Protein backbone atom coordinates (compact mmCIF):
# COMPACT_ATOMS: atom_id res chain seq x y z
CA UNK A 1 -0.38 -0.14 -0.01
CA UNK A 2 3.00 2.37 0.49
CA UNK A 3 3.87 1.78 -3.05
CA UNK A 4 0.34 2.57 -4.02
CA UNK A 5 -0.08 5.31 -2.14
CA UNK A 6 3.88 6.51 -3.02
CA UNK A 7 2.50 6.39 -6.53
CA UNK A 8 -0.65 7.84 -6.33
CA UNK A 9 1.18 10.95 -5.32
CA UNK A 10 3.41 10.98 -8.26
CA UNK A 11 0.14 10.93 -10.41
CA UNK A 12 -1.20 14.21 -8.79
CA UNK A 13 1.61 15.75 -8.86
CA UNK A 14 2.55 15.15 -12.42
CA UNK A 15 -1.07 16.02 -13.57
CA UNK A 16 -0.57 19.69 -12.26
CA UNK A 17 2.85 19.92 -14.41
CA UNK A 18 2.39 22.08 -16.96
CA UNK A 19 4.53 20.08 -19.32
CA UNK A 20 1.53 16.58 -18.90
CA UNK A 21 -1.43 19.41 -19.65
CA UNK A 22 0.44 19.78 -22.88
CA UNK A 23 0.33 15.89 -23.92
CA UNK A 24 -2.99 15.47 -23.86
CA UNK A 25 -2.39 11.46 -24.82
CA UNK A 26 0.08 11.22 -21.51
CA UNK A 27 -2.66 13.73 -19.59
CA UNK A 28 -5.50 11.28 -19.97
CA UNK A 29 -3.59 8.60 -19.49
CA UNK A 30 -2.45 9.33 -15.96
CA UNK A 31 -6.04 10.77 -15.12
CA UNK A 32 -7.08 7.22 -15.93
CA UNK A 33 -5.01 6.08 -13.59
CA UNK A 34 -5.66 8.93 -10.76
CA UNK A 35 -9.41 7.77 -10.89
CA UNK A 36 -8.75 4.15 -10.79
CA UNK A 37 -5.77 4.49 -7.41
CA UNK A 38 -8.28 6.98 -5.75
CA UNK A 39 -10.77 4.40 -4.45
CA UNK A 40 -7.80 2.41 -3.11
CA UNK A 41 -6.18 4.94 -1.41
CA UNK A 42 -10.00 6.03 0.29
CA UNK A 43 -9.88 2.72 1.49
CA UNK A 44 -6.17 3.04 2.74
CA UNK A 45 -7.05 6.30 4.34
CA UNK A 46 -9.91 4.40 6.56
CA UNK A 47 -7.24 1.76 7.48
CA UNK A 48 -4.68 3.69 9.20
CA UNK A 49 -7.53 5.90 10.20
CA UNK A 50 -8.47 3.01 12.39
CA UNK A 51 -5.24 1.83 12.93
CA UNK A 52 -4.53 5.35 14.58
CA UNK A 53 -7.92 5.25 17.12
CA UNK A 54 -6.42 1.76 18.35
CA UNK A 55 -3.16 2.92 19.06
CA UNK A 56 -4.69 5.64 20.89
CA UNK A 57 -7.75 4.03 22.90
CA UNK A 58 -4.57 1.45 23.84
CA UNK A 59 -2.44 4.71 24.99
CA UNK A 60 -5.30 5.75 27.08
CA UNK A 61 -6.06 2.14 28.95
CA UNK A 62 -2.49 2.04 29.57
CA UNK A 63 -2.86 5.30 31.77
CA UNK A 64 -6.71 5.28 32.68
CA UNK A 65 -7.90 3.70 36.19
CA UNK A 66 -11.49 5.32 35.73
CA UNK A 67 -13.63 1.86 34.96
CA UNK A 68 -16.33 3.52 33.17
CA UNK A 69 -13.71 5.73 30.90
CA UNK A 70 -11.70 1.70 30.56
CA UNK A 71 -14.89 0.17 29.16
CA UNK A 72 -15.19 3.22 26.43
CA UNK A 73 -11.75 2.92 25.58
CA UNK A 74 -11.91 -0.76 25.29
CA UNK A 75 -15.14 -0.36 23.12
CA UNK A 76 -13.78 2.08 20.87
CA UNK A 77 -10.34 -0.34 20.31
CA UNK A 78 -12.80 -3.10 19.76
CA UNK A 79 -14.93 -1.25 16.98
CA UNK A 80 -12.00 0.24 15.27
CA UNK A 81 -10.14 -3.33 14.97
CA UNK A 82 -13.23 -4.58 13.10
CA UNK A 83 -13.03 -1.22 11.00
CA UNK A 84 -9.44 -2.34 10.12
CA UNK A 85 -10.12 -6.00 9.43
CA UNK A 86 -13.10 -4.71 7.18
CA UNK A 87 -11.31 -2.37 5.33
CA UNK A 88 -8.05 -5.30 5.02
CA UNK A 89 -10.23 -7.73 3.63
CA UNK A 90 -11.16 -4.89 0.74
CA UNK A 91 -8.28 -3.91 -0.02
CA UNK A 92 -6.80 -7.29 -0.60
CA UNK A 93 -9.61 -7.75 -3.54
CA UNK A 94 -8.70 -4.09 -4.49
CA UNK A 95 -4.90 -4.90 -4.85
CA UNK A 96 -5.73 -7.98 -6.74
CA UNK A 97 -4.10 -7.74 -10.31
CA UNK A 98 -6.53 -6.32 -12.64
CA UNK A 99 -7.93 -7.38 -16.13
CA UNK A 100 -5.96 -5.87 -18.41
CA UNK A 101 -9.13 -5.15 -20.32
CA UNK A 102 -11.74 -4.14 -17.48
CA UNK A 103 -11.80 -0.55 -18.83
CA UNK A 104 -11.73 -1.47 -22.55
CA UNK A 105 -15.75 -0.87 -24.86
CA UNK A 106 -17.10 -3.72 -25.66
CA UNK A 107 -19.01 -5.79 -28.27
CA UNK A 108 -21.65 -7.40 -27.61
CA UNK A 109 -22.98 -10.29 -29.76
CA UNK A 110 -26.11 -11.77 -29.34
CA UNK A 111 -27.10 -14.80 -31.33
CA UNK A 112 -30.48 -16.76 -31.33
CA UNK A 113 -29.91 -20.58 -29.98
CA UNK A 114 -32.17 -23.48 -29.72
CA UNK A 115 -35.78 -22.68 -30.10
CA UNK A 116 -36.37 -20.89 -33.40
CA UNK A 117 -38.46 -17.78 -33.88
CA UNK A 118 -39.15 -17.79 -30.01
CA UNK A 119 -35.17 -17.60 -29.40
CA UNK A 120 -34.92 -14.84 -32.03
CA UNK A 121 -37.59 -12.78 -29.74
CA UNK A 122 -35.40 -13.38 -26.85
CA UNK A 123 -31.95 -11.95 -28.39
CA UNK A 124 -34.32 -8.90 -29.23
CA UNK A 125 -35.34 -8.70 -25.05
CA UNK A 126 -31.71 -9.45 -24.33
CA UNK A 127 -30.50 -6.60 -27.15
CA UNK A 128 -33.00 -4.02 -25.38
CA UNK A 129 -31.96 -5.09 -21.87
CA UNK A 130 -28.51 -4.24 -22.29
CA UNK A 131 -28.99 -1.10 -24.39
CA UNK A 132 -31.10 0.06 -21.04
CA UNK A 133 -28.42 -0.91 -18.83
CA UNK A 134 -25.55 1.18 -20.52
CA UNK A 135 -28.21 3.96 -20.63
CA UNK A 136 -28.56 3.54 -16.78
CA UNK A 137 -24.37 3.52 -16.55
CA UNK A 138 -23.64 6.08 -18.73
CA UNK A 139 -22.71 4.34 -21.02
CA UNK A 140 -23.09 4.87 -25.46
CA UNK A 141 -24.30 1.78 -27.48
CA UNK A 142 -24.04 1.79 -30.87
CA UNK A 143 -25.53 -0.88 -33.69
CA UNK A 144 -23.22 -2.29 -36.19
CA UNK A 145 -25.08 -4.92 -37.81
CA UNK A 146 -28.47 -7.06 -37.27
CA UNK A 147 -30.26 -9.80 -38.91
CA UNK A 148 -33.71 -9.74 -38.30
CA UNK A 149 -36.64 -11.81 -38.70
CA UNK A 150 -40.15 -11.07 -39.59
CA UNK A 151 -41.93 -11.01 -36.19
CA UNK A 152 -39.46 -8.66 -34.64
CA UNK A 153 -36.63 -10.94 -33.14
CA UNK A 154 -32.89 -10.83 -34.32
CA UNK A 155 -31.24 -14.29 -35.39
CA UNK A 156 -28.27 -12.33 -34.34
CA UNK A 157 -27.34 -8.59 -33.40
CA UNK A 158 -23.91 -7.20 -32.78
CA UNK A 159 -23.15 -3.83 -31.14
CA UNK A 160 -20.71 -1.65 -29.15
CA UNK A 161 -20.79 -0.50 -25.44
CA UNK A 162 -18.59 2.53 -24.86
CA UNK A 163 -17.41 3.98 -21.47
CA UNK A 164 -14.56 3.58 -19.20
CA UNK A 165 -15.20 0.14 -17.15
CA UNK A 166 -17.76 -1.33 -19.55
CA UNK A 167 -15.83 -4.81 -20.12
CA UNK A 168 -15.49 -5.02 -16.15
CA UNK A 169 -19.61 -4.62 -15.98
CA UNK A 170 -20.48 -7.05 -18.87
CA UNK A 171 -17.48 -9.60 -19.15
CA UNK A 172 -19.30 -11.86 -16.90
CA UNK A 173 -22.46 -12.00 -19.31
CA UNK A 174 -20.58 -14.17 -22.17
CA UNK A 175 -22.58 -17.84 -22.03
CA UNK A 176 -25.77 -19.29 -22.81
CA UNK A 177 -29.08 -17.46 -21.60
CA UNK A 178 -32.23 -19.89 -20.94
CA UNK A 179 -35.76 -17.93 -21.12
CA UNK A 180 -38.80 -20.08 -19.89
CA UNK A 181 -41.95 -18.32 -21.03
CA UNK A 182 -45.60 -18.95 -23.22
CA UNK A 183 -44.99 -17.28 -26.62
CA UNK A 184 -47.26 -15.08 -28.17
CA UNK A 185 -47.85 -17.83 -30.77
CA UNK A 186 -48.78 -20.79 -28.40
CA UNK A 187 -52.17 -21.37 -28.66
CA UNK A 188 -52.73 -23.54 -25.23
CA UNK A 189 -50.26 -21.92 -22.88
CA UNK A 190 -47.71 -23.95 -22.58
CA UNK A 191 -44.35 -23.06 -21.55
CA UNK A 192 -41.24 -23.05 -24.07
CA UNK A 193 -37.52 -23.15 -23.20
CA UNK A 194 -35.21 -21.39 -25.62
CA UNK A 195 -31.64 -20.13 -25.57
CA UNK A 196 -29.47 -17.33 -26.52
CA UNK A 197 -25.82 -16.96 -26.86
CA UNK A 198 -24.08 -13.90 -26.03
CA UNK A 199 -20.18 -13.28 -26.16
CA UNK A 200 -18.92 -9.91 -24.94
CA UNK A 201 -15.84 -9.02 -26.37
CA UNK A 202 -12.96 -6.55 -25.22
CA UNK A 203 -12.51 -3.86 -27.65
CA UNK A 204 -9.12 -3.73 -29.67
CA UNK A 205 -7.38 -0.71 -29.85
CA UNK A 206 -6.29 0.05 -33.54
CA UNK A 207 -2.77 0.07 -33.10
CA UNK A 208 -2.54 -3.67 -31.51
CA UNK A 209 -3.96 -5.25 -34.04
CA UNK A 210 -1.85 -5.14 -37.79
CA UNK A 211 -4.23 -5.95 -40.36
CA UNK A 212 -2.32 -6.24 -44.30
CA UNK A 213 -4.74 -4.41 -46.63
CA UNK A 214 -3.57 -7.37 -49.18
CA UNK A 215 -5.15 -9.71 -46.59
CA UNK A 216 -8.83 -8.15 -47.09
CA UNK A 217 -11.59 -8.73 -49.89
CA UNK A 218 -13.88 -6.48 -49.68
CA UNK A 219 -17.43 -6.62 -51.17
CA UNK A 220 -20.09 -3.51 -51.36
CA UNK A 221 -23.79 -4.90 -51.18
CA UNK A 222 -27.04 -4.19 -50.88
CA UNK A 223 -28.51 -3.33 -47.20
CA UNK A 224 -31.10 -5.70 -46.07
CA UNK A 225 -33.92 -5.37 -43.60
CA UNK A 226 -36.02 -2.44 -42.62
CA UNK A 227 -34.43 1.43 -43.72
CA UNK A 228 -37.00 2.84 -46.52
CA UNK A 229 -36.04 3.27 -50.18
CA UNK A 230 -32.49 4.29 -49.45
CA UNK A 231 -31.34 1.09 -48.13
CA UNK A 232 -32.86 -1.18 -50.91
CA UNK A 233 -31.73 0.94 -54.07
CA UNK A 234 -28.26 1.97 -52.27
CA UNK A 235 -24.87 -0.50 -52.04
CA UNK A 236 -23.70 1.19 -48.97
CA UNK A 237 -23.17 -1.91 -46.91
CA UNK A 238 -20.09 -3.26 -46.69
CA UNK A 239 -18.91 -7.27 -46.18
CA UNK A 240 -15.30 -7.50 -45.07
CA UNK A 241 -13.28 -11.13 -45.46
CA UNK A 242 -10.02 -11.69 -43.92
CA UNK A 243 -8.56 -14.01 -45.49
CA UNK A 244 -5.78 -15.81 -43.25
CA UNK A 245 -8.76 -16.32 -40.74
CA UNK A 246 -11.49 -16.57 -42.42
CA UNK A 247 -13.66 -14.26 -40.65
CA UNK A 248 -16.81 -12.37 -42.24
CA UNK A 249 -17.66 -9.23 -40.92
CA UNK A 250 -21.12 -7.24 -42.40
CA UNK A 251 -21.55 -3.99 -41.52
CA UNK A 252 -25.27 -2.33 -42.67
CA UNK A 253 -26.27 0.13 -39.87
CA UNK A 254 -24.48 3.18 -41.91
CA UNK A 255 -25.81 5.38 -44.96
CA UNK A 256 -22.62 5.95 -45.79
CA UNK A 257 -20.31 3.26 -47.52
CA UNK A 258 -16.83 4.67 -45.85
CA UNK A 259 -18.69 4.63 -42.32
CA UNK A 260 -19.81 1.10 -42.52
CA UNK A 261 -15.95 0.18 -44.06
CA UNK A 262 -14.75 1.73 -40.53
CA UNK A 263 -16.99 0.09 -38.18
CA UNK A 264 -16.31 -3.19 -40.40
CA UNK A 265 -12.61 -2.65 -39.60
CA UNK A 266 -12.77 -2.09 -35.97
CA UNK A 267 -15.27 -4.84 -35.84
CA UNK A 268 -12.49 -7.29 -37.23
CA UNK A 269 -9.62 -5.84 -35.37
CA UNK A 270 -11.86 -6.97 -32.32
CA UNK A 271 -12.30 -10.63 -33.57
CA UNK A 272 -8.44 -10.72 -34.18
CA UNK A 273 -7.47 -9.11 -31.06
CA UNK A 274 -9.53 -11.74 -28.88
CA UNK A 275 -8.05 -14.76 -30.93
CA UNK A 276 -4.99 -13.14 -29.96
CA UNK A 277 -5.80 -13.09 -27.01
CA UNK A 278 -7.18 -16.68 -26.32
CA UNK A 279 -3.89 -17.58 -27.84
CA UNK A 280 -1.96 -16.10 -25.07
CA UNK A 281 -3.42 -17.27 -22.26
CA UNK A 282 -4.73 -21.18 -23.88
CA UNK A 283 -2.75 -23.00 -21.09
CA UNK A 284 -5.03 -21.15 -18.58
CA UNK A 285 -8.44 -21.17 -20.74
CA UNK A 286 -9.84 -23.90 -18.55
CA UNK A 287 -10.27 -21.38 -15.71
CA UNK A 288 -11.92 -19.48 -18.19
CA UNK A 289 -16.07 -19.50 -16.84
CA UNK A 290 -17.69 -17.78 -19.25
CA UNK A 291 -17.87 -19.85 -22.08
CA UNK A 292 -20.62 -19.58 -24.85
CA UNK A 293 -20.99 -23.46 -25.60
CA UNK A 294 -23.07 -24.37 -27.98
CA UNK A 295 -26.40 -23.03 -27.26
CA UNK A 296 -28.22 -25.80 -26.03
CA UNK A 297 -31.04 -25.84 -23.86
CA UNK A 298 -29.35 -27.85 -21.07
CA UNK A 299 -26.31 -25.25 -21.21
CA UNK A 300 -26.72 -22.01 -19.38
CA UNK A 301 -25.15 -19.50 -17.16
CA UNK A 302 -28.65 -17.80 -16.58
CA UNK A 303 -32.26 -18.58 -16.15
CA UNK A 304 -35.55 -16.10 -17.38
CA UNK A 305 -38.44 -17.51 -15.84
CA UNK A 306 -41.29 -15.28 -16.80
CA UNK A 307 -43.69 -17.32 -15.01
CA UNK A 308 -42.43 -17.26 -11.78
CA UNK A 309 -40.80 -13.46 -12.57
CA UNK A 310 -37.48 -14.43 -11.74
CA UNK A 311 -34.32 -14.41 -13.01
CA UNK A 312 -31.31 -16.67 -11.58
CA UNK A 313 -27.69 -17.12 -12.34
CA UNK A 314 -26.26 -20.84 -12.17
CA UNK A 315 -23.02 -19.90 -11.42
CA UNK A 316 -23.35 -17.64 -8.26
CA UNK A 317 -26.60 -19.57 -7.21
CA UNK A 318 -28.38 -16.24 -7.07
CA UNK A 319 -32.30 -15.75 -8.08
CA UNK A 320 -33.52 -12.56 -8.14
CA UNK A 321 -37.24 -12.17 -8.10
CA UNK A 322 -37.68 -9.23 -10.03
CA UNK A 323 -37.66 -10.25 -13.75
CA UNK A 324 -38.96 -7.24 -15.43
CA UNK A 325 -37.01 -4.80 -13.55
CA UNK A 326 -34.24 -6.79 -14.76
CA UNK A 327 -34.80 -6.61 -18.34
CA UNK A 328 -35.73 -3.23 -18.02
CA UNK A 329 -31.98 -2.43 -17.32
CA UNK A 330 -31.78 -2.89 -13.62
CA UNK A 331 -28.82 -5.10 -13.53
CA UNK A 332 -26.28 -4.07 -10.87
CA UNK A 333 -27.31 -6.11 -8.19
CA UNK A 334 -26.46 -9.05 -10.22
CA UNK A 335 -23.42 -7.79 -11.51
CA UNK A 336 -21.93 -6.82 -8.40
CA UNK A 337 -22.57 -10.26 -7.04
CA UNK A 338 -20.47 -12.10 -10.14
CA UNK A 339 -17.95 -9.32 -9.75
CA UNK A 340 -17.88 -9.84 -5.88
CA UNK A 341 -17.78 -13.97 -6.56
CA UNK A 342 -15.02 -13.46 -8.99
CA UNK A 343 -12.93 -11.20 -6.47
CA UNK A 344 -13.43 -13.83 -3.53
CA UNK A 345 -12.27 -16.58 -6.42
CA UNK A 346 -9.46 -14.55 -7.33
CA UNK A 347 -8.37 -14.09 -3.35
CA UNK A 348 -8.71 -17.32 -2.53
CA UNK A 349 -6.51 -18.94 -5.44
CA UNK A 350 -3.70 -16.13 -4.61
CA UNK A 351 -3.98 -16.77 -0.99
CA UNK A 352 -3.43 -20.96 -1.79
């Protein structure tokens, strides 16, 4: 903690240095580091204040003879020992090595799994849920591509979520999401079970992935789906094929071919970055819990049960009876619990 505190002072000094203010990239990086370290320093100050209070109480106990005053001093020491212990445990978690991707923007891919049209309709529900959560959290969402069905669902939809810490909040959403409800098309009121797969990828920065233009095949195509006369008549959509990896990206959301190409390149860089990370972490891949799987009904990280109004996360055994609020973007209680469980697991492993 002394090293962290020294670094925090160094960062604050550099931020007030005129030379730093003139270097926007450096200033931005230091400001981000200051924001990350601030809560750790605040917690450390709580810890040292409690330590000082214990020392003062013990000093009084050494000289005080009045029984009532001694009891007050003992109570003060006990209370601050508890504060110290709590702050110490919180600091252990706060000082765990951070995921280098936590502050990144993310690319979210949602695909209908088992269940046909009902799965596609629930994919649209999840897209709406994440969009509403992002708005609550102060993040910005932007649609990249969508393959719509006739009833308003999505066979697949890809979008970005931009904002500091977006990946740290949404990274636990990767996996199979199972829904149990009565479809609107079900005449006999039977409950159907369908699945949707969600993949959350950290958005790559351009400097991290080297894409050789010679490795790209770029096609302009007519956009499909809703959008009026313009979409039907102009070839503004882009299909990008990365020949070495076989990755194909289609982007049709923007009217401008240039903007669609820009979006497609960014998404390709993100996918290549994910492949690069997967190769680097192949040895520890078995420890990763957020796997999309095949989309089969038996695989799931979470179940959304409409008849009972509940949402259950099977990884941490948490059930919330507030399904409607959850689907309206009120996800913080679940996301906080997932982050806490992950931190506790990492702390246990670090102490093993």
